[in-house]
N, C-alpha and C. Protein backbone atom coordinates (compact mmCIF):
# COMPACT_ATOMS: atom_id res chain seq x y z
N MET A 1 98.42 90.21 96.89
CA MET A 1 99.72 90.89 96.90
C MET A 1 99.92 91.62 98.22
N LYS A 2 101.09 91.51 98.78
CA LYS A 2 101.49 92.28 99.95
C LYS A 2 102.91 92.77 99.72
N VAL A 3 103.11 94.08 99.73
CA VAL A 3 104.38 94.68 99.34
C VAL A 3 105.13 95.16 100.58
N GLY A 4 106.38 94.74 100.71
CA GLY A 4 107.26 95.24 101.75
C GLY A 4 108.04 96.44 101.24
N ILE A 5 108.03 97.53 101.99
CA ILE A 5 108.72 98.76 101.62
C ILE A 5 109.80 99.01 102.66
N ILE A 6 111.06 99.05 102.25
CA ILE A 6 112.16 99.22 103.20
C ILE A 6 113.03 100.41 102.81
N SER A 7 113.39 101.19 103.80
CA SER A 7 114.40 102.23 103.66
C SER A 7 115.41 102.07 104.79
N ALA A 8 116.55 102.72 104.64
CA ALA A 8 117.56 102.64 105.69
C ALA A 8 117.28 103.63 106.82
N PHE A 9 116.83 104.86 106.46
CA PHE A 9 116.60 105.92 107.44
C PHE A 9 115.10 106.19 107.59
N GLU A 10 114.73 106.66 108.76
CA GLU A 10 113.33 107.00 109.02
C GLU A 10 112.83 108.05 108.05
N ALA A 11 113.64 109.07 107.77
CA ALA A 11 113.21 110.15 106.89
C ALA A 11 112.93 109.67 105.46
N GLU A 12 113.52 108.55 105.07
CA GLU A 12 113.30 108.02 103.73
C GLU A 12 111.93 107.35 103.59
N VAL A 13 111.42 106.79 104.66
CA VAL A 13 110.16 106.05 104.59
C VAL A 13 108.99 106.80 105.23
N LYS A 14 109.27 107.78 106.06
CA LYS A 14 108.22 108.49 106.79
C LYS A 14 107.17 109.11 105.86
N PRO A 15 107.55 109.76 104.74
CA PRO A 15 106.51 110.31 103.85
C PRO A 15 105.59 109.24 103.28
N PHE A 16 106.14 108.04 103.05
CA PHE A 16 105.29 106.97 102.55
C PHE A 16 104.33 106.48 103.63
N ILE A 17 104.83 106.29 104.84
CA ILE A 17 103.98 105.84 105.93
C ILE A 17 102.85 106.83 106.17
N SER A 18 103.13 108.11 105.99
CA SER A 18 102.11 109.15 106.16
C SER A 18 100.97 109.02 105.14
N SER A 19 101.25 108.35 104.02
CA SER A 19 100.23 108.18 102.98
C SER A 19 99.46 106.86 103.12
N MET A 20 99.84 106.03 104.08
CA MET A 20 99.15 104.77 104.34
C MET A 20 97.91 105.00 105.21
N TYR A 21 97.05 103.99 105.26
CA TYR A 21 95.89 104.05 106.16
C TYR A 21 95.65 102.67 106.78
N ASP A 22 94.77 102.61 107.77
CA ASP A 22 94.51 101.38 108.53
C ASP A 22 95.83 100.80 109.08
N ILE A 23 96.63 101.64 109.69
CA ILE A 23 97.98 101.24 110.11
C ILE A 23 97.97 100.65 111.51
N THR A 24 98.65 99.53 111.64
CA THR A 24 99.03 99.00 112.94
C THR A 24 100.55 98.84 112.93
N VAL A 25 101.15 98.85 114.13
CA VAL A 25 102.60 98.74 114.22
C VAL A 25 102.97 97.49 115.01
N GLU A 26 103.83 96.68 114.43
CA GLU A 26 104.35 95.49 115.11
C GLU A 26 105.86 95.62 115.26
N LYS A 27 106.38 95.14 116.37
CA LYS A 27 107.82 95.21 116.62
C LYS A 27 108.43 93.82 116.58
N HIS A 28 109.47 93.68 115.78
CA HIS A 28 110.24 92.44 115.68
C HIS A 28 111.70 92.81 115.49
N ALA A 29 112.58 92.10 116.14
CA ALA A 29 114.03 92.32 115.99
C ALA A 29 114.41 93.78 116.20
N MET A 30 113.75 94.42 117.16
CA MET A 30 114.01 95.83 117.50
C MET A 30 113.66 96.79 116.38
N LEU A 31 112.79 96.38 115.47
CA LEU A 31 112.35 97.21 114.35
C LEU A 31 110.83 97.38 114.41
N SER A 32 110.34 98.51 113.90
CA SER A 32 108.90 98.80 113.88
C SER A 32 108.35 98.63 112.47
N PHE A 33 107.43 97.71 112.31
CA PHE A 33 106.83 97.39 111.02
C PHE A 33 105.44 98.01 110.96
N HIS A 34 105.24 98.91 110.00
CA HIS A 34 103.97 99.60 109.84
C HIS A 34 103.13 98.83 108.83
N VAL A 35 102.09 98.18 109.33
CA VAL A 35 101.24 97.31 108.52
C VAL A 35 99.96 98.07 108.17
N GLY A 36 99.65 98.16 106.89
CA GLY A 36 98.45 98.89 106.50
C GLY A 36 98.19 98.78 105.02
N LYS A 37 97.60 99.83 104.47
CA LYS A 37 97.25 99.83 103.05
C LYS A 37 97.69 101.13 102.38
N TYR A 38 97.97 101.03 101.10
CA TYR A 38 98.18 102.19 100.24
C TYR A 38 97.42 101.92 98.95
N LYS A 39 96.42 102.74 98.64
CA LYS A 39 95.60 102.55 97.44
C LYS A 39 95.04 101.13 97.36
N ASP A 40 94.53 100.63 98.47
CA ASP A 40 93.95 99.28 98.56
C ASP A 40 94.95 98.15 98.40
N ILE A 41 96.24 98.47 98.39
CA ILE A 41 97.29 97.45 98.35
C ILE A 41 97.81 97.22 99.76
N ASN A 42 97.92 95.98 100.16
CA ASN A 42 98.48 95.67 101.46
C ASN A 42 99.98 95.95 101.45
N VAL A 43 100.42 96.75 102.41
CA VAL A 43 101.84 97.11 102.48
C VAL A 43 102.35 97.00 103.91
N VAL A 44 103.64 96.74 104.03
CA VAL A 44 104.33 96.75 105.31
C VAL A 44 105.58 97.60 105.11
N ALA A 45 105.68 98.70 105.85
CA ALA A 45 106.77 99.66 105.62
C ALA A 45 107.59 99.85 106.89
N LEU A 46 108.90 100.03 106.70
CA LEU A 46 109.79 100.26 107.85
C LEU A 46 111.10 100.85 107.40
N TYR A 47 111.87 101.34 108.36
CA TYR A 47 113.27 101.65 108.10
C TYR A 47 114.12 100.66 108.90
N SER A 48 115.19 100.20 108.27
CA SER A 48 115.98 99.09 108.81
C SER A 48 117.17 99.53 109.64
N GLY A 49 117.59 100.79 109.44
CA GLY A 49 118.89 101.20 109.93
C GLY A 49 119.95 100.97 108.87
N VAL A 50 121.07 101.62 109.04
CA VAL A 50 122.13 101.58 108.03
C VAL A 50 122.93 100.29 108.13
N CYS A 51 123.42 99.84 107.01
CA CYS A 51 124.38 98.75 106.82
C CYS A 51 123.70 97.47 106.38
N LYS A 52 124.51 96.59 105.82
CA LYS A 52 124.00 95.39 105.17
C LYS A 52 123.31 94.44 106.13
N VAL A 53 123.85 94.24 107.31
CA VAL A 53 123.26 93.29 108.24
C VAL A 53 121.89 93.77 108.71
N ASN A 54 121.78 95.03 109.08
CA ASN A 54 120.48 95.56 109.49
C ASN A 54 119.45 95.43 108.37
N ALA A 55 119.86 95.73 107.15
CA ALA A 55 118.96 95.62 106.00
C ALA A 55 118.53 94.18 105.78
N SER A 56 119.45 93.25 105.96
CA SER A 56 119.13 91.83 105.78
C SER A 56 118.14 91.35 106.84
N ILE A 57 118.35 91.76 108.09
CA ILE A 57 117.43 91.39 109.16
C ILE A 57 116.02 91.85 108.84
N ALA A 58 115.89 93.11 108.45
CA ALA A 58 114.57 93.67 108.15
C ALA A 58 113.90 92.92 107.01
N THR A 59 114.65 92.60 105.98
CA THR A 59 114.08 91.93 104.82
C THR A 59 113.61 90.52 105.17
N GLN A 60 114.41 89.80 105.93
CA GLN A 60 114.01 88.44 106.29
C GLN A 60 112.79 88.42 107.20
N VAL A 61 112.70 89.39 108.11
CA VAL A 61 111.52 89.48 108.97
C VAL A 61 110.28 89.80 108.13
N LEU A 62 110.42 90.70 107.17
CA LEU A 62 109.29 91.00 106.27
C LEU A 62 108.76 89.74 105.60
N ILE A 63 109.68 88.90 105.18
CA ILE A 63 109.29 87.68 104.46
C ILE A 63 108.72 86.64 105.42
N ASN A 64 109.38 86.43 106.54
CA ASN A 64 108.96 85.37 107.47
C ASN A 64 107.71 85.73 108.28
N LYS A 65 107.66 86.95 108.81
CA LYS A 65 106.59 87.33 109.72
C LYS A 65 105.37 87.90 109.00
N PHE A 66 105.58 88.51 107.85
CA PHE A 66 104.48 89.22 107.20
C PHE A 66 104.11 88.64 105.83
N ASP A 67 104.83 87.64 105.39
CA ASP A 67 104.51 86.97 104.12
C ASP A 67 104.40 87.94 102.95
N VAL A 68 105.30 88.90 102.88
CA VAL A 68 105.25 89.82 101.75
C VAL A 68 105.53 89.07 100.46
N THR A 69 104.87 89.48 99.40
CA THR A 69 105.04 88.83 98.10
C THR A 69 106.02 89.57 97.20
N HIS A 70 106.28 90.84 97.52
CA HIS A 70 107.20 91.68 96.75
C HIS A 70 107.92 92.61 97.73
N VAL A 71 109.14 92.99 97.38
CA VAL A 71 109.90 93.93 98.20
C VAL A 71 110.39 95.08 97.33
N ILE A 72 110.19 96.31 97.85
CA ILE A 72 110.71 97.51 97.20
C ILE A 72 111.60 98.24 98.18
N VAL A 73 112.81 98.53 97.77
CA VAL A 73 113.73 99.37 98.55
C VAL A 73 113.63 100.78 97.99
N MET A 74 113.53 101.76 98.87
CA MET A 74 113.52 103.14 98.39
C MET A 74 114.36 104.00 99.34
N GLY A 75 114.89 105.07 98.79
CA GLY A 75 115.73 105.95 99.59
C GLY A 75 116.66 106.76 98.71
N VAL A 76 117.82 107.08 99.26
CA VAL A 76 118.79 107.91 98.56
C VAL A 76 120.05 107.12 98.25
N ALA A 77 120.86 107.67 97.36
CA ALA A 77 122.11 107.03 96.97
C ALA A 77 123.08 108.08 96.47
N GLY A 78 124.34 107.70 96.41
CA GLY A 78 125.36 108.56 95.84
C GLY A 78 125.56 108.24 94.37
N ALA A 79 125.64 109.26 93.55
CA ALA A 79 125.84 109.05 92.11
C ALA A 79 127.26 108.58 91.84
N ILE A 80 127.38 107.61 90.97
CA ILE A 80 128.68 107.21 90.42
C ILE A 80 128.79 107.69 88.97
N ALA A 81 127.74 107.51 88.20
CA ALA A 81 127.72 107.99 86.82
C ALA A 81 127.80 109.52 86.80
N ASN A 82 128.65 110.05 85.97
CA ASN A 82 128.90 111.50 85.94
C ASN A 82 127.72 112.31 85.43
N ASP A 83 126.83 111.67 84.66
CA ASP A 83 125.71 112.43 84.09
C ASP A 83 124.49 112.48 85.01
N LEU A 84 124.56 111.82 86.16
CA LEU A 84 123.46 111.91 87.11
C LEU A 84 123.54 113.21 87.90
N LYS A 85 122.38 113.80 88.13
CA LYS A 85 122.30 115.06 88.86
C LYS A 85 121.59 114.84 90.20
N ILE A 86 121.76 115.79 91.10
CA ILE A 86 121.06 115.76 92.37
C ILE A 86 119.56 115.62 92.12
N HIS A 87 118.94 114.69 92.85
CA HIS A 87 117.50 114.39 92.80
C HIS A 87 117.08 113.60 91.57
N ASP A 88 118.00 113.26 90.66
CA ASP A 88 117.68 112.23 89.67
C ASP A 88 117.41 110.93 90.42
N THR A 89 116.72 110.00 89.78
CA THR A 89 116.34 108.76 90.44
C THR A 89 116.77 107.55 89.61
N VAL A 90 117.33 106.57 90.29
CA VAL A 90 117.75 105.33 89.65
C VAL A 90 116.81 104.21 90.08
N ILE A 91 116.30 103.48 89.11
CA ILE A 91 115.55 102.25 89.35
C ILE A 91 116.47 101.09 88.99
N SER A 92 116.57 100.12 89.87
CA SER A 92 117.56 99.06 89.68
C SER A 92 117.16 98.09 88.57
N SER A 93 118.10 97.81 87.69
CA SER A 93 117.96 96.67 86.79
C SER A 93 118.67 95.46 87.39
N GLU A 94 119.77 95.74 88.11
CA GLU A 94 120.51 94.70 88.82
C GLU A 94 121.36 95.37 89.90
N VAL A 95 121.74 94.56 90.89
CA VAL A 95 122.46 95.08 92.05
C VAL A 95 123.58 94.13 92.41
N ALA A 96 124.74 94.68 92.84
CA ALA A 96 125.86 93.84 93.27
C ALA A 96 126.54 94.49 94.47
N TYR A 97 127.29 93.67 95.21
CA TYR A 97 128.18 94.19 96.25
C TYR A 97 129.48 94.66 95.59
N HIS A 98 130.02 95.78 96.04
CA HIS A 98 131.34 96.18 95.54
C HIS A 98 132.44 95.85 96.56
N ASP A 99 132.05 95.29 97.71
CA ASP A 99 133.03 94.99 98.75
C ASP A 99 132.99 93.53 99.20
N VAL A 100 132.50 92.64 98.31
CA VAL A 100 132.44 91.20 98.60
C VAL A 100 133.15 90.45 97.48
N ASN A 101 134.02 89.53 97.82
CA ASN A 101 134.69 88.71 96.81
C ASN A 101 133.66 87.97 95.96
N GLU A 102 133.84 87.98 94.67
CA GLU A 102 132.83 87.46 93.76
C GLU A 102 132.52 85.99 93.98
N ASP A 103 133.52 85.17 94.29
CA ASP A 103 133.25 83.73 94.39
C ASP A 103 132.47 83.36 95.65
N ILE A 104 132.31 84.30 96.58
CA ILE A 104 131.49 84.01 97.75
C ILE A 104 130.05 83.77 97.33
N LEU A 105 129.58 84.49 96.33
CA LEU A 105 128.20 84.34 95.87
C LEU A 105 128.01 83.23 94.85
N THR A 106 129.04 82.93 94.10
CA THR A 106 128.91 81.93 93.04
C THR A 106 129.39 80.54 93.47
N LYS A 107 130.39 80.48 94.32
CA LYS A 107 130.93 79.20 94.77
C LYS A 107 130.18 78.67 95.99
N TYR A 108 129.67 79.58 96.80
CA TYR A 108 128.95 79.23 98.02
C TYR A 108 127.51 79.74 97.94
N HIS A 109 126.74 79.45 99.00
CA HIS A 109 125.34 79.90 99.05
C HIS A 109 125.25 81.39 98.74
N PRO A 110 124.37 81.79 97.81
CA PRO A 110 123.28 81.05 97.18
C PRO A 110 123.62 80.50 95.79
N TRP A 111 124.90 80.26 95.49
CA TRP A 111 125.34 79.58 94.26
C TRP A 111 124.78 80.25 93.00
N MET A 112 125.06 81.54 92.89
CA MET A 112 124.54 82.31 91.78
C MET A 112 125.36 82.09 90.51
N ASP A 113 124.75 82.37 89.37
CA ASP A 113 125.46 82.28 88.09
C ASP A 113 126.37 83.48 87.87
N SER A 114 126.03 84.61 88.51
CA SER A 114 126.86 85.81 88.42
C SER A 114 126.75 86.55 89.74
N ILE A 115 127.43 87.68 89.86
CA ILE A 115 127.41 88.45 91.11
C ILE A 115 126.22 89.40 91.18
N TYR A 116 125.40 89.45 90.13
CA TYR A 116 124.35 90.45 90.05
C TYR A 116 122.98 89.87 90.41
N PHE A 117 122.30 90.54 91.35
CA PHE A 117 120.93 90.23 91.69
C PHE A 117 120.03 91.03 90.75
N LYS A 118 119.24 90.33 89.96
CA LYS A 118 118.40 90.98 88.96
C LYS A 118 117.10 91.47 89.58
N ALA A 119 116.68 92.66 89.20
CA ALA A 119 115.35 93.14 89.59
C ALA A 119 114.29 92.28 88.91
N ASP A 120 113.17 92.11 89.58
CA ASP A 120 112.07 91.34 89.00
C ASP A 120 111.62 91.98 87.69
N HIS A 121 111.50 91.19 86.64
CA HIS A 121 111.25 91.77 85.32
C HIS A 121 109.85 92.37 85.21
N LYS A 122 108.85 91.82 85.91
CA LYS A 122 107.50 92.38 85.85
C LYS A 122 107.45 93.72 86.60
N MET A 123 108.10 93.78 87.74
CA MET A 123 108.14 95.03 88.48
C MET A 123 108.89 96.10 87.70
N LEU A 124 110.00 95.69 87.08
CA LEU A 124 110.80 96.64 86.31
C LEU A 124 110.03 97.15 85.10
N SER A 125 109.32 96.26 84.44
CA SER A 125 108.54 96.66 83.27
C SER A 125 107.46 97.67 83.65
N LYS A 126 106.81 97.45 84.78
CA LYS A 126 105.76 98.39 85.20
C LYS A 126 106.37 99.71 85.65
N MET A 127 107.52 99.65 86.32
CA MET A 127 108.22 100.88 86.70
C MET A 127 108.56 101.71 85.46
N LYS A 128 109.03 101.05 84.42
CA LYS A 128 109.35 101.74 83.17
C LYS A 128 108.11 102.40 82.60
N GLU A 129 107.03 101.65 82.58
CA GLU A 129 105.78 102.13 81.98
C GLU A 129 105.24 103.38 82.68
N VAL A 130 105.16 103.35 84.00
CA VAL A 130 104.52 104.44 84.72
C VAL A 130 105.43 105.66 84.86
N ASN A 131 106.73 105.48 84.64
CA ASN A 131 107.67 106.60 84.77
C ASN A 131 108.29 107.00 83.44
N ASP A 132 107.66 106.59 82.36
CA ASP A 132 108.25 106.78 81.03
C ASP A 132 108.44 108.25 80.67
N ASN A 133 107.58 109.11 81.17
CA ASN A 133 107.64 110.53 80.80
C ASN A 133 108.56 111.36 81.69
N ASP A 134 109.09 110.74 82.73
CA ASP A 134 109.95 111.47 83.67
C ASP A 134 111.42 111.27 83.27
N LYS A 135 112.01 112.28 82.70
CA LYS A 135 113.37 112.18 82.17
C LYS A 135 114.43 112.24 83.25
N THR A 136 114.02 112.48 84.51
CA THR A 136 114.99 112.46 85.61
C THR A 136 115.14 111.05 86.19
N ILE A 137 114.41 110.09 85.64
CA ILE A 137 114.47 108.71 86.12
C ILE A 137 115.21 107.85 85.11
N VAL A 138 116.19 107.09 85.60
CA VAL A 138 116.95 106.20 84.74
C VAL A 138 116.95 104.79 85.35
N ILE A 139 117.20 103.82 84.51
CA ILE A 139 117.22 102.43 84.95
C ILE A 139 118.61 101.86 84.71
N GLY A 140 119.14 101.18 85.71
CA GLY A 140 120.47 100.61 85.54
C GLY A 140 120.99 99.93 86.79
N ARG A 141 122.29 99.75 86.82
CA ARG A 141 122.97 98.97 87.86
C ARG A 141 123.26 99.81 89.10
N MET A 142 123.03 99.21 90.26
CA MET A 142 123.42 99.77 91.54
C MET A 142 124.47 98.86 92.18
N VAL A 143 125.30 99.44 93.04
CA VAL A 143 126.21 98.63 93.85
C VAL A 143 126.13 99.06 95.30
N THR A 144 126.49 98.13 96.18
CA THR A 144 126.37 98.33 97.62
C THR A 144 127.68 97.99 98.32
N GLY A 145 128.03 98.80 99.31
CA GLY A 145 129.18 98.52 100.15
C GLY A 145 129.13 99.37 101.40
N GLU A 146 129.78 98.91 102.45
CA GLU A 146 129.66 99.58 103.74
C GLU A 146 130.76 100.62 103.95
N SER A 147 130.79 101.60 103.05
CA SER A 147 131.73 102.71 103.21
C SER A 147 131.24 103.87 102.37
N PHE A 148 131.56 105.09 102.83
CA PHE A 148 131.29 106.26 102.01
C PHE A 148 132.40 106.37 100.97
N ILE A 149 132.01 106.63 99.74
CA ILE A 149 132.94 106.54 98.62
C ILE A 149 133.65 107.86 98.37
N GLU A 150 134.97 107.83 98.44
CA GLU A 150 135.79 108.97 98.06
C GLU A 150 136.18 108.83 96.59
N GLN A 151 136.90 109.82 96.05
CA GLN A 151 137.21 109.80 94.63
C GLN A 151 138.03 108.58 94.23
N GLU A 152 139.00 108.19 95.05
CA GLU A 152 139.83 107.03 94.71
C GLU A 152 138.99 105.76 94.66
N GLY A 153 138.12 105.57 95.63
CA GLY A 153 137.25 104.41 95.64
C GLY A 153 136.26 104.43 94.50
N ARG A 154 135.81 105.62 94.14
CA ARG A 154 134.85 105.78 93.05
C ARG A 154 135.44 105.26 91.73
N GLU A 155 136.69 105.62 91.46
CA GLU A 155 137.32 105.19 90.20
C GLU A 155 137.45 103.68 90.12
N GLU A 156 137.76 103.05 91.25
CA GLU A 156 137.87 101.60 91.29
C GLU A 156 136.52 100.92 91.04
N ILE A 157 135.47 101.48 91.62
CA ILE A 157 134.13 100.93 91.42
C ILE A 157 133.69 101.09 89.96
N VAL A 158 133.95 102.25 89.38
CA VAL A 158 133.59 102.47 87.98
C VAL A 158 134.30 101.46 87.08
N GLU A 159 135.58 101.25 87.32
CA GLU A 159 136.36 100.34 86.48
C GLU A 159 135.84 98.90 86.57
N LYS A 160 135.44 98.48 87.75
CA LYS A 160 135.05 97.09 87.94
C LYS A 160 133.57 96.83 87.66
N TYR A 161 132.70 97.79 88.03
CA TYR A 161 131.25 97.54 87.95
C TYR A 161 130.49 98.50 87.05
N ASN A 162 131.00 99.70 86.85
CA ASN A 162 130.36 100.73 86.04
C ASN A 162 128.88 100.92 86.41
N PRO A 163 128.58 101.18 87.69
CA PRO A 163 127.19 101.36 88.10
C PRO A 163 126.73 102.80 87.95
N LEU A 164 125.44 103.00 88.11
CA LEU A 164 124.90 104.35 88.13
C LEU A 164 125.06 104.99 89.51
N CYS A 165 124.88 104.19 90.57
CA CYS A 165 124.91 104.76 91.91
C CYS A 165 125.38 103.73 92.93
N VAL A 166 125.63 104.20 94.14
CA VAL A 166 126.13 103.34 95.21
C VAL A 166 125.40 103.66 96.51
N ASP A 167 125.16 102.62 97.31
CA ASP A 167 124.54 102.80 98.62
C ASP A 167 125.08 101.73 99.56
N MET A 168 124.49 101.63 100.76
CA MET A 168 125.03 100.75 101.79
C MET A 168 124.11 99.59 102.17
N GLU A 169 122.98 99.42 101.47
CA GLU A 169 122.03 98.38 101.86
C GLU A 169 121.43 97.54 100.72
N THR A 170 121.28 98.08 99.53
CA THR A 170 120.40 97.48 98.53
C THR A 170 120.78 96.04 98.18
N ALA A 171 122.04 95.76 97.95
CA ALA A 171 122.42 94.41 97.54
C ALA A 171 122.08 93.37 98.60
N SER A 172 122.20 93.74 99.87
CA SER A 172 121.89 92.78 100.93
C SER A 172 120.39 92.47 100.95
N MET A 173 119.55 93.45 100.70
CA MET A 173 118.12 93.22 100.61
C MET A 173 117.79 92.35 99.40
N ALA A 174 118.44 92.64 98.28
CA ALA A 174 118.25 91.82 97.08
C ALA A 174 118.72 90.39 97.31
N HIS A 175 119.81 90.24 98.04
CA HIS A 175 120.37 88.93 98.38
C HIS A 175 119.35 88.09 99.14
N VAL A 176 118.73 88.67 100.16
CA VAL A 176 117.72 87.96 100.95
C VAL A 176 116.52 87.60 100.09
N CYS A 177 116.08 88.53 99.25
CA CYS A 177 114.95 88.24 98.36
C CYS A 177 115.28 87.12 97.39
N TYR A 178 116.49 87.13 96.86
CA TYR A 178 116.91 86.07 95.94
C TYR A 178 116.86 84.70 96.62
N ALA A 179 117.38 84.64 97.84
CA ALA A 179 117.42 83.37 98.57
C ALA A 179 116.02 82.86 98.93
N ASN A 180 115.05 83.79 99.00
CA ASN A 180 113.67 83.43 99.35
C ASN A 180 112.72 83.43 98.15
N SER A 181 113.25 83.66 96.95
CA SER A 181 112.45 83.71 95.72
C SER A 181 111.32 84.74 95.81
N VAL A 182 111.64 85.92 96.35
CA VAL A 182 110.68 87.01 96.47
C VAL A 182 111.06 88.11 95.48
N PRO A 183 110.15 88.53 94.61
CA PRO A 183 110.46 89.59 93.64
C PRO A 183 110.90 90.88 94.32
N PHE A 184 111.87 91.54 93.70
CA PHE A 184 112.55 92.68 94.33
C PHE A 184 112.85 93.76 93.30
N ILE A 185 112.80 95.02 93.76
CA ILE A 185 113.29 96.14 92.96
C ILE A 185 113.69 97.27 93.92
N ALA A 186 114.56 98.16 93.45
CA ALA A 186 115.01 99.28 94.28
C ALA A 186 114.83 100.59 93.54
N VAL A 187 114.49 101.63 94.30
CA VAL A 187 114.33 102.99 93.78
C VAL A 187 115.16 103.91 94.67
N ARG A 188 116.18 104.53 94.09
CA ARG A 188 117.09 105.39 94.87
C ARG A 188 117.27 106.73 94.15
N SER A 189 117.04 107.81 94.89
CA SER A 189 117.24 109.15 94.34
C SER A 189 118.58 109.71 94.80
N ILE A 190 119.18 110.53 93.98
CA ILE A 190 120.56 110.97 94.19
C ILE A 190 120.62 112.13 95.19
N SER A 191 121.42 111.92 96.24
CA SER A 191 121.62 112.94 97.27
C SER A 191 122.99 113.59 97.19
N ASP A 192 123.93 112.96 96.45
CA ASP A 192 125.26 113.55 96.28
C ASP A 192 125.89 113.01 95.00
N THR A 193 126.79 113.79 94.44
CA THR A 193 127.43 113.46 93.17
C THR A 193 128.93 113.66 93.30
N PRO A 194 129.72 113.28 92.27
CA PRO A 194 131.16 113.56 92.32
C PRO A 194 131.47 115.04 92.50
N GLU A 195 130.61 115.91 91.96
CA GLU A 195 130.83 117.36 92.07
C GLU A 195 130.38 117.91 93.42
N GLU A 196 129.31 117.35 93.96
CA GLU A 196 128.77 117.79 95.25
C GLU A 196 128.69 116.57 96.16
N SER A 197 129.68 116.41 97.02
CA SER A 197 129.75 115.22 97.86
C SER A 197 130.07 115.60 99.30
N GLY A 198 130.08 114.58 100.16
CA GLY A 198 130.39 114.82 101.56
C GLY A 198 129.15 115.09 102.39
N ASP A 199 129.36 115.28 103.68
CA ASP A 199 128.25 115.46 104.62
C ASP A 199 127.42 116.69 104.31
N GLU A 200 128.08 117.76 103.85
CA GLU A 200 127.34 119.00 103.58
C GLU A 200 126.34 118.82 102.46
N ALA A 201 126.78 118.17 101.37
CA ALA A 201 125.88 117.93 100.24
C ALA A 201 124.76 116.98 100.64
N PHE A 202 125.12 115.93 101.37
CA PHE A 202 124.11 114.96 101.81
C PHE A 202 123.04 115.64 102.65
N SER A 203 123.44 116.45 103.60
CA SER A 203 122.49 117.15 104.47
C SER A 203 121.61 118.12 103.70
N LYS A 204 122.17 118.73 102.69
CA LYS A 204 121.45 119.73 101.90
C LYS A 204 120.37 119.11 101.02
N TYR A 205 120.67 117.95 100.43
CA TYR A 205 119.79 117.40 99.41
C TYR A 205 119.02 116.14 99.83
N TYR A 206 119.34 115.64 101.01
CA TYR A 206 118.84 114.34 101.43
C TYR A 206 117.31 114.26 101.47
N GLU A 207 116.65 115.22 102.11
CA GLU A 207 115.21 115.13 102.31
C GLU A 207 114.44 115.16 101.00
N LEU A 208 114.80 116.07 100.10
CA LEU A 208 114.11 116.13 98.82
C LEU A 208 114.37 114.89 97.97
N ALA A 209 115.58 114.35 98.06
CA ALA A 209 115.88 113.11 97.34
C ALA A 209 115.02 111.97 97.86
N ALA A 210 114.87 111.90 99.19
CA ALA A 210 114.04 110.86 99.78
C ALA A 210 112.59 111.00 99.33
N GLU A 211 112.08 112.22 99.30
CA GLU A 211 110.71 112.46 98.86
C GLU A 211 110.51 112.07 97.40
N LYS A 212 111.54 112.28 96.59
CA LYS A 212 111.45 111.90 95.17
C LYS A 212 111.31 110.39 95.03
N SER A 213 112.10 109.63 95.78
CA SER A 213 112.01 108.17 95.67
C SER A 213 110.65 107.68 96.14
N VAL A 214 110.10 108.30 97.18
CA VAL A 214 108.76 107.93 97.66
C VAL A 214 107.73 108.19 96.56
N ALA A 215 107.82 109.33 95.89
CA ALA A 215 106.86 109.67 94.84
C ALA A 215 106.91 108.65 93.70
N VAL A 216 108.10 108.19 93.34
CA VAL A 216 108.23 107.19 92.27
C VAL A 216 107.59 105.87 92.69
N VAL A 217 107.80 105.46 93.92
CA VAL A 217 107.19 104.22 94.41
C VAL A 217 105.68 104.36 94.48
N GLN A 218 105.18 105.49 94.94
CA GLN A 218 103.74 105.71 95.00
C GLN A 218 103.12 105.67 93.61
N ARG A 219 103.81 106.22 92.65
CA ARG A 219 103.32 106.21 91.26
C ARG A 219 103.20 104.77 90.77
N TYR A 220 104.18 103.96 91.10
CA TYR A 220 104.16 102.55 90.71
C TYR A 220 103.01 101.80 91.39
N LEU A 221 102.87 101.97 92.69
CA LEU A 221 101.82 101.26 93.42
C LEU A 221 100.43 101.69 92.98
N SER A 222 100.28 102.93 92.61
CA SER A 222 98.99 103.43 92.15
C SER A 222 98.57 102.83 90.81
N ALA A 223 99.54 102.28 90.09
CA ALA A 223 99.27 101.78 88.74
C ALA A 223 99.12 100.27 88.66
N ILE A 224 99.38 99.57 89.77
CA ILE A 224 99.32 98.09 89.69
C ILE A 224 97.97 97.58 90.20
């Protein structure tokens, strides 16, 4: 097993890299890939930069250059579900784009049966098992799009997709994993909500939310 760990921002992945050992760094596509171990598991960790294309580049390089067998996305997200609180954590059951026409995925490559990229069922089952006692962790749908969501956009997303949270990279990473038949799951902690949103809320809660997602991933890796 070799696990690829991807975040969008350096601060989201830095605490995890700090817990790795036997680290070497390789550079590909202007990105730094930290190759090493965590609890005797081979891991490759990096931050991709924001947006779908950057996330896709990082994921494909992980698969092609490092032969990762599994991919985990971790980081922060904005809450869509009203009952989510700051620093709650969402584990993906499935992921979709909220800004891509549906028939692009079903009519054209990769010819999917639906618009939803499913999390790997074995990874999801283990995530459930090791986090069963943590009531701040929920499992459900995420959506991705390249815009910060205001209230008007939020209502449209709820009506069409009814997700728990939204971010700017996860679906593109899941898309690449799907096309390469690589098991995938995402862990995102909440940095802003409908009640507390905007740059001020993000800046206030971002670091602790990132640390929470890292802790959930570490808990999972320690148990496999």
